[in-house]
């Protein structure tokens, strides 16, 4: 019996094509304007912190690739019931994380780097469990790269410090997160 399955082939092709085409234009096809603005601010924070344009672009490119791939898997109903529960846990975690980011921004002297680093590490591990059976080890590496980059305590301390341009970036990120929360997107 032939094991060819056009649906599986189409899904693999879409994931492969999307991973090759991760660009700002493609991101805006799959990501709303507010999320795009938040991602732009994350890029600026990363670039400011690392001083390395290409590394910052790579981090954001990996972030977009992962977001799009997870979206494709979800749209094609590739997740089992257990994986859908993990996805719901991940979504709740993102919402709680957004509220924490905003709270740290709005309430002076409450920021704790370890809280955010731990949150990002736990989120990374949850996402890895969600996509374990669906994405390649290379994609798993992308997930680790993105989360580990932004979980860096030095980067987080700079982001929540009093210095410009970090305070401006943080404000724009929090404004965007507030908008996503108000719209029910996050």
C-alpha atoms as a PDB file:
ATOM      1  CA  UNK A   1       0.000   0.000   0.000  1.00  0.00           C
ATOM      2  CA  UNK A   2       1.283   3.453  -0.922  1.00  0.00           C
ATOM      3  CA  UNK A   3       1.832   5.682   2.126  1.00  0.00           C
ATOM      4  CA  UNK A   4       1.535   8.950   0.189  1.00  0.00           C
ATOM      5  CA  UNK A   5      -0.732  11.504   1.891  1.00  0.00           C
ATOM      6  CA  UNK A   6      -1.316  14.796   0.088  1.00  0.00           C
ATOM      7  CA  UNK A   7      -2.535  16.563   3.253  1.00  0.00           C
ATOM      8  CA  UNK A   8       0.684  15.697   5.101  1.00  0.00           C
ATOM      9  CA  UNK A   9       2.768  16.687   2.092  1.00  0.00           C
ATOM     10  CA  UNK A  10       0.936  20.030   1.823  1.00  0.00           C
ATOM     11  CA  UNK A  11       1.512  20.713   5.519  1.00  0.00           C
ATOM     12  CA  UNK A  12       5.235  19.855   5.270  1.00  0.00           C
ATOM     13  CA  UNK A  13       5.538  22.031   2.174  1.00  0.00           C
ATOM     14  CA  UNK A  14       3.816  24.954   3.880  1.00  0.00           C
ATOM     15  CA  UNK A  15       6.071  24.705   6.939  1.00  0.00           C
ATOM     16  CA  UNK A  16       9.176  24.469   4.752  1.00  0.00           C
ATOM     17  CA  UNK A  17       8.115  27.339   2.516  1.00  0.00           C
ATOM     18  CA  UNK A  18       7.234  29.539   5.461  1.00  0.00           C
ATOM     19  CA  UNK A  19      10.552  28.838   7.163  1.00  0.00           C
ATOM     20  CA  UNK A  20      12.373  29.963   4.009  1.00  0.00           C
ATOM     21  CA  UNK A  21      10.283  33.109   3.604  1.00  0.00           C
ATOM     22  CA  UNK A  22      10.351  34.582   7.123  1.00  0.00           C
ATOM     23  CA  UNK A  23      10.449  38.278   6.389  1.00  0.00           C
ATOM     24  CA  UNK A  24       8.732  41.396   7.610  1.00  0.00           C
ATOM     25  CA  UNK A  25       6.267  41.269   4.705  1.00  0.00           C
ATOM     26  CA  UNK A  26       5.370  37.641   5.404  1.00  0.00           C
ATOM     27  CA  UNK A  27       5.069  38.374   9.108  1.00  0.00           C
ATOM     28  CA  UNK A  28       2.471  41.042   8.424  1.00  0.00           C
ATOM     29  CA  UNK A  29       0.408  38.524   6.438  1.00  0.00           C
ATOM     30  CA  UNK A  30       0.121  36.315   9.530  1.00  0.00           C
ATOM     31  CA  UNK A  31       0.608  38.814  12.354  1.00  0.00           C
ATOM     32  CA  UNK A  32      -1.674  41.780  13.081  1.00  0.00           C
ATOM     33  CA  UNK A  33      -0.375  45.359  13.089  1.00  0.00           C
ATOM     34  CA  UNK A  34      -0.170  45.684  16.879  1.00  0.00           C
ATOM     35  CA  UNK A  35       1.766  42.431  17.232  1.00  0.00           C
ATOM     36  CA  UNK A  36       4.036  43.581  14.414  1.00  0.00           C
ATOM     37  CA  UNK A  37       4.745  46.830  16.255  1.00  0.00           C
ATOM     38  CA  UNK A  38       5.568  44.885  19.426  1.00  0.00           C
ATOM     39  CA  UNK A  39       7.930  42.634  17.460  1.00  0.00           C
ATOM     40  CA  UNK A  40       9.596  45.719  15.973  1.00  0.00           C
ATOM     41  CA  UNK A  41      10.199  47.017  19.502  1.00  0.00           C
ATOM     42  CA  UNK A  42      11.624  43.651  20.571  1.00  0.00           C
ATOM     43  CA  UNK A  43      14.001  43.899  17.610  1.00  0.00           C
ATOM     44  CA  UNK A  44      15.067  47.403  18.671  1.00  0.00           C
ATOM     45  CA  UNK A  45      15.627  46.268  22.279  1.00  0.00           C
ATOM     46  CA  UNK A  46      17.676  43.309  21.077  1.00  0.00           C
ATOM     47  CA  UNK A  47      19.720  45.445  18.692  1.00  0.00           C
ATOM     48  CA  UNK A  48      20.349  48.073  21.355  1.00  0.00           C
ATOM     49  CA  UNK A  49      21.395  45.438  23.887  1.00  0.00           C
ATOM     50  CA  UNK A  50      23.589  43.283  21.654  1.00  0.00           C
ATOM     51  CA  UNK A  51      24.900  46.009  19.385  1.00  0.00           C
ATOM     52  CA  UNK A  52      24.600  43.357  16.684  1.00  0.00           C
ATOM     53  CA  UNK A  53      22.077  43.995  13.931  1.00  0.00           C
ATOM     54  CA  UNK A  54      22.370  40.568  12.316  1.00  0.00           C
ATOM     55  CA  UNK A  55      21.966  38.682  15.619  1.00  0.00           C
ATOM     56  CA  UNK A  56      18.868  40.727  16.444  1.00  0.00           C
ATOM     57  CA  UNK A  57      17.425  40.070  13.001  1.00  0.00           C
ATOM     58  CA  UNK A  58      18.095  36.357  13.421  1.00  0.00           C
ATOM     59  CA  UNK A  59      16.304  36.279  16.789  1.00  0.00           C
ATOM     60  CA  UNK A  60      13.234  38.015  15.376  1.00  0.00           C
ATOM     61  CA  UNK A  61      13.288  35.942  12.210  1.00  0.00           C
ATOM     62  CA  UNK A  62      13.302  32.806  14.360  1.00  0.00           C
ATOM     63  CA  UNK A  63      10.449  34.194  16.447  1.00  0.00           C
ATOM     64  CA  UNK A  64       8.358  34.860  13.344  1.00  0.00           C
ATOM     65  CA  UNK A  65       9.137  31.421  11.894  1.00  0.00           C
ATOM     66  CA  UNK A  66       8.023  29.682  15.072  1.00  0.00           C
ATOM     67  CA  UNK A  67       4.858  31.763  15.417  1.00  0.00           C
ATOM     68  CA  UNK A  68       3.884  31.071  11.814  1.00  0.00           C
ATOM     69  CA  UNK A  69       4.662  27.352  12.042  1.00  0.00           C
ATOM     70  CA  UNK A  70       2.621  26.934  15.218  1.00  0.00           C
ATOM     71  CA  UNK A  71      -0.195  28.864  13.528  1.00  0.00           C
ATOM     72  CA  UNK A  72      -0.060  26.555  10.514  1.00  0.00           C
ATOM     73  CA  UNK A  73      -0.139  23.472  12.738  1.00  0.00           C
ATOM     74  CA  UNK A  74      -3.123  24.863  14.621  1.00  0.00           C
ATOM     75  CA  UNK A  75      -4.974  25.878  11.459  1.00  0.00           C
ATOM     76  CA  UNK A  76      -4.491  22.414   9.985  1.00  0.00           C
ATOM     77  CA  UNK A  77      -5.730  20.809  13.230  1.00  0.00           C
ATOM     78  CA  UNK A  78      -2.498  18.887  13.755  1.00  0.00           C
ATOM     79  CA  UNK A  79      -2.598  19.007  17.550  1.00  0.00           C
ATOM     80  CA  UNK A  80      -4.043  16.146  19.603  1.00  0.00           C
ATOM     81  CA  UNK A  81      -6.460  16.789  22.470  1.00  0.00           C
ATOM     82  CA  UNK A  82      -3.554  16.680  24.948  1.00  0.00           C
ATOM     83  CA  UNK A  83      -1.544  19.091  22.792  1.00  0.00           C
ATOM     84  CA  UNK A  84      -4.538  21.441  22.543  1.00  0.00           C
ATOM     85  CA  UNK A  85      -4.606  21.533  26.357  1.00  0.00           C
ATOM     86  CA  UNK A  86      -0.911  22.436  26.290  1.00  0.00           C
ATOM     87  CA  UNK A  87      -1.687  25.151  23.726  1.00  0.00           C
ATOM     88  CA  UNK A  88      -4.391  26.572  26.015  1.00  0.00           C
ATOM     89  CA  UNK A  89      -1.929  26.496  28.931  1.00  0.00           C
ATOM     90  CA  UNK A  90       0.613  28.301  26.761  1.00  0.00           C
ATOM     91  CA  UNK A  91      -1.947  30.935  25.744  1.00  0.00           C
ATOM     92  CA  UNK A  92      -2.945  31.514  29.396  1.00  0.00           C
ATOM     93  CA  UNK A  93       0.740  31.740  30.299  1.00  0.00           C
ATOM     94  CA  UNK A  94       1.320  34.363  27.576  1.00  0.00           C
ATOM     95  CA  UNK A  95      -1.610  36.403  28.858  1.00  0.00           C
ATOM     96  CA  UNK A  96      -0.328  36.184  32.433  1.00  0.00           C
ATOM     97  CA  UNK A  97       3.153  37.096  31.199  1.00  0.00           C
ATOM     98  CA  UNK A  98       1.824  40.146  29.356  1.00  0.00           C
ATOM     99  CA  UNK A  99       0.063  41.295  32.530  1.00  0.00           C
ATOM    100  CA  UNK A 100       3.301  40.805  34.486  1.00  0.00           C
ATOM    101  CA  UNK A 101       5.321  42.774  31.909  1.00  0.00           C
ATOM    102  CA  UNK A 102       2.804  45.623  32.107  1.00  0.00           C
ATOM    103  CA  UNK A 103       2.706  45.523  35.908  1.00  0.00           C
ATOM    104  CA  UNK A 104       6.494  45.719  36.146  1.00  0.00           C
ATOM    105  CA  UNK A 105       6.352  48.720  33.806  1.00  0.00           C
ATOM    106  CA  UNK A 106       3.558  50.558  35.609  1.00  0.00           C
ATOM    107  CA  UNK A 107       4.597  49.953  39.222  1.00  0.00           C
ATOM    108  CA  UNK A 108       8.033  51.406  39.922  1.00  0.00           C
ATOM    109  CA  UNK A 109      10.692  49.262  41.612  1.00  0.00           C
ATOM    110  CA  UNK A 110       8.744  45.988  41.285  1.00  0.00           C
ATOM    111  CA  UNK A 111      10.801  44.434  38.504  1.00  0.00           C
ATOM    112  CA  UNK A 112      12.562  41.186  39.376  1.00  0.00           C
ATOM    113  CA  UNK A 113      14.802  39.761  36.610  1.00  0.00           C
ATOM    114  CA  UNK A 114      14.503  36.226  37.998  1.00  0.00           C
ATOM    115  CA  UNK A 115      10.689  36.323  37.762  1.00  0.00           C
ATOM    116  CA  UNK A 116      10.805  37.186  34.056  1.00  0.00           C
ATOM    117  CA  UNK A 117      13.686  34.801  33.314  1.00  0.00           C
ATOM    118  CA  UNK A 118      11.855  31.942  35.039  1.00  0.00           C
ATOM    119  CA  UNK A 119       8.621  32.817  33.255  1.00  0.00           C
ATOM    120  CA  UNK A 120      10.362  32.760  29.867  1.00  0.00           C
ATOM    121  CA  UNK A 121      12.168  29.488  30.604  1.00  0.00           C
ATOM    122  CA  UNK A 122       8.919  27.810  31.680  1.00  0.00           C
ATOM    123  CA  UNK A 123       7.137  29.170  28.589  1.00  0.00           C
ATOM    124  CA  UNK A 124       9.938  27.883  26.365  1.00  0.00           C
ATOM    125  CA  UNK A 125       9.667  24.421  27.873  1.00  0.00           C
ATOM    126  CA  UNK A 126       5.882  24.378  27.475  1.00  0.00           C
ATOM    127  CA  UNK A 127       6.131  25.420  23.819  1.00  0.00           C
ATOM    128  CA  UNK A 128       8.772  22.756  23.189  1.00  0.00           C
ATOM    129  CA  UNK A 129       6.445  20.117  24.654  1.00  0.00           C
ATOM    130  CA  UNK A 130       3.612  21.393  22.449  1.00  0.00           C
ATOM    131  CA  UNK A 131       5.576  21.109  19.192  1.00  0.00           C
ATOM    132  CA  UNK A 132       7.781  18.132  20.094  1.00  0.00           C
ATOM    133  CA  UNK A 133       6.069  15.758  17.670  1.00  0.00           C
ATOM    134  CA  UNK A 134       5.541  18.305  14.905  1.00  0.00           C
ATOM    135  CA  UNK A 135       8.665  20.391  14.360  1.00  0.00           C
ATOM    136  CA  UNK A 136      12.256  19.480  13.586  1.00  0.00           C
ATOM    137  CA  UNK A 137      15.170  19.723  16.021  1.00  0.00           C
ATOM    138  CA  UNK A 138      16.240  22.815  14.063  1.00  0.00           C
ATOM    139  CA  UNK A 139      12.926  24.482  14.914  1.00  0.00           C
ATOM    140  CA  UNK A 140      13.330  23.418  18.543  1.00  0.00           C
ATOM    141  CA  UNK A 141      16.705  25.163  18.463  1.00  0.00           C
ATOM    142  CA  UNK A 142      15.018  28.301  17.144  1.00  0.00           C
ATOM    143  CA  UNK A 143      12.577  28.236  20.050  1.00  0.00           C
ATOM    144  CA  UNK A 144      15.444  27.898  22.534  1.00  0.00           C
ATOM    145  CA  UNK A 145      17.380  30.671  20.782  1.00  0.00           C
ATOM    146  CA  UNK A 146      14.491  33.157  20.997  1.00  0.00           C
ATOM    147  CA  UNK A 147      13.470  32.422  24.579  1.00  0.00           C
ATOM    148  CA  UNK A 148      17.029  32.224  25.884  1.00  0.00           C
ATOM    149  CA  UNK A 149      17.888  35.517  24.194  1.00  0.00           C
ATOM    150  CA  UNK A 150      15.042  37.420  25.825  1.00  0.00           C
ATOM    151  CA  UNK A 151      15.406  35.606  29.184  1.00  0.00           C
ATOM    152  CA  UNK A 152      18.905  37.039  29.586  1.00  0.00           C
ATOM    153  CA  UNK A 153      18.803  38.793  33.004  1.00  0.00           C
ATOM    154  CA  UNK A 154      21.163  41.534  31.785  1.00  0.00           C
ATOM    155  CA  UNK A 155      18.879  42.322  28.837  1.00  0.00           C
ATOM    156  CA  UNK A 156      15.818  42.325  31.113  1.00  0.00           C
ATOM    157  CA  UNK A 157      17.556  44.574  33.649  1.00  0.00           C
ATOM    158  CA  UNK A 158      18.431  47.056  30.887  1.00  0.00           C
ATOM    159  CA  UNK A 159      14.876  46.912  29.494  1.00  0.00           C
ATOM    160  CA  UNK A 160      13.388  47.715  32.905  1.00  0.00           C
ATOM    161  CA  UNK A 161      16.067  50.229  33.847  1.00  0.00           C
ATOM    162  CA  UNK A 162      15.661  54.002  33.740  1.00  0.00           C
ATOM    163  CA  UNK A 163      17.855  54.552  30.675  1.00  0.00           C
ATOM    164  CA  UNK A 164      16.749  55.575  27.220  1.00  0.00           C
ATOM    165  CA  UNK A 165      16.081  54.200  24.693  1.00  0.00           C
ATOM    166  CA  UNK A 166      14.966  51.199  26.764  1.00  0.00           C
ATOM    167  CA  UNK A 167      12.216  53.079  28.606  1.00  0.00           C
ATOM    168  CA  UNK A 168      10.692  54.207  25.286  1.00  0.00           C
ATOM    169  CA  UNK A 169      10.841  50.678  23.882  1.00  0.00           C
ATOM    170  CA  UNK A 170       9.329  49.251  27.074  1.00  0.00           C
ATOM    171  CA  UNK A 171       6.482  51.781  26.985  1.00  0.00           C
ATOM    172  CA  UNK A 172       5.670  50.934  23.353  1.00  0.00           C
ATOM    173  CA  UNK A 173       5.771  47.206  24.105  1.00  0.00           C
ATOM    174  CA  UNK A 174       3.440  47.651  27.076  1.00  0.00           C
ATOM    175  CA  UNK A 175       1.085  49.919  25.097  1.00  0.00           C
ATOM    176  CA  UNK A 176       0.874  47.226  22.420  1.00  0.00           C
ATOM    177  CA  UNK A 177       0.313  44.463  24.968  1.00  0.00           C
ATOM    178  CA  UNK A 178      -2.442  46.514  26.630  1.00  0.00           C
ATOM    179  CA  UNK A 179      -4.128  46.935  23.253  1.00  0.00           C
ATOM    180  CA  UNK A 180      -3.946  43.188  22.528  1.00  0.00           C
ATOM    181  CA  UNK A 181      -5.392  42.434  25.973  1.00  0.00           C
ATOM    182  CA  UNK A 182      -8.227  44.951  25.506  1.00  0.00           C
ATOM    183  CA  UNK A 183      -9.079  43.493  22.083  1.00  0.00           C
ATOM    184  CA  UNK A 184      -9.045  39.962  23.496  1.00  0.00           C
ATOM    185  CA  UNK A 185      -6.318  38.948  21.063  1.00  0.00           C
ATOM    186  CA  UNK A 186      -4.011  37.877  23.864  1.00  0.00           C
END
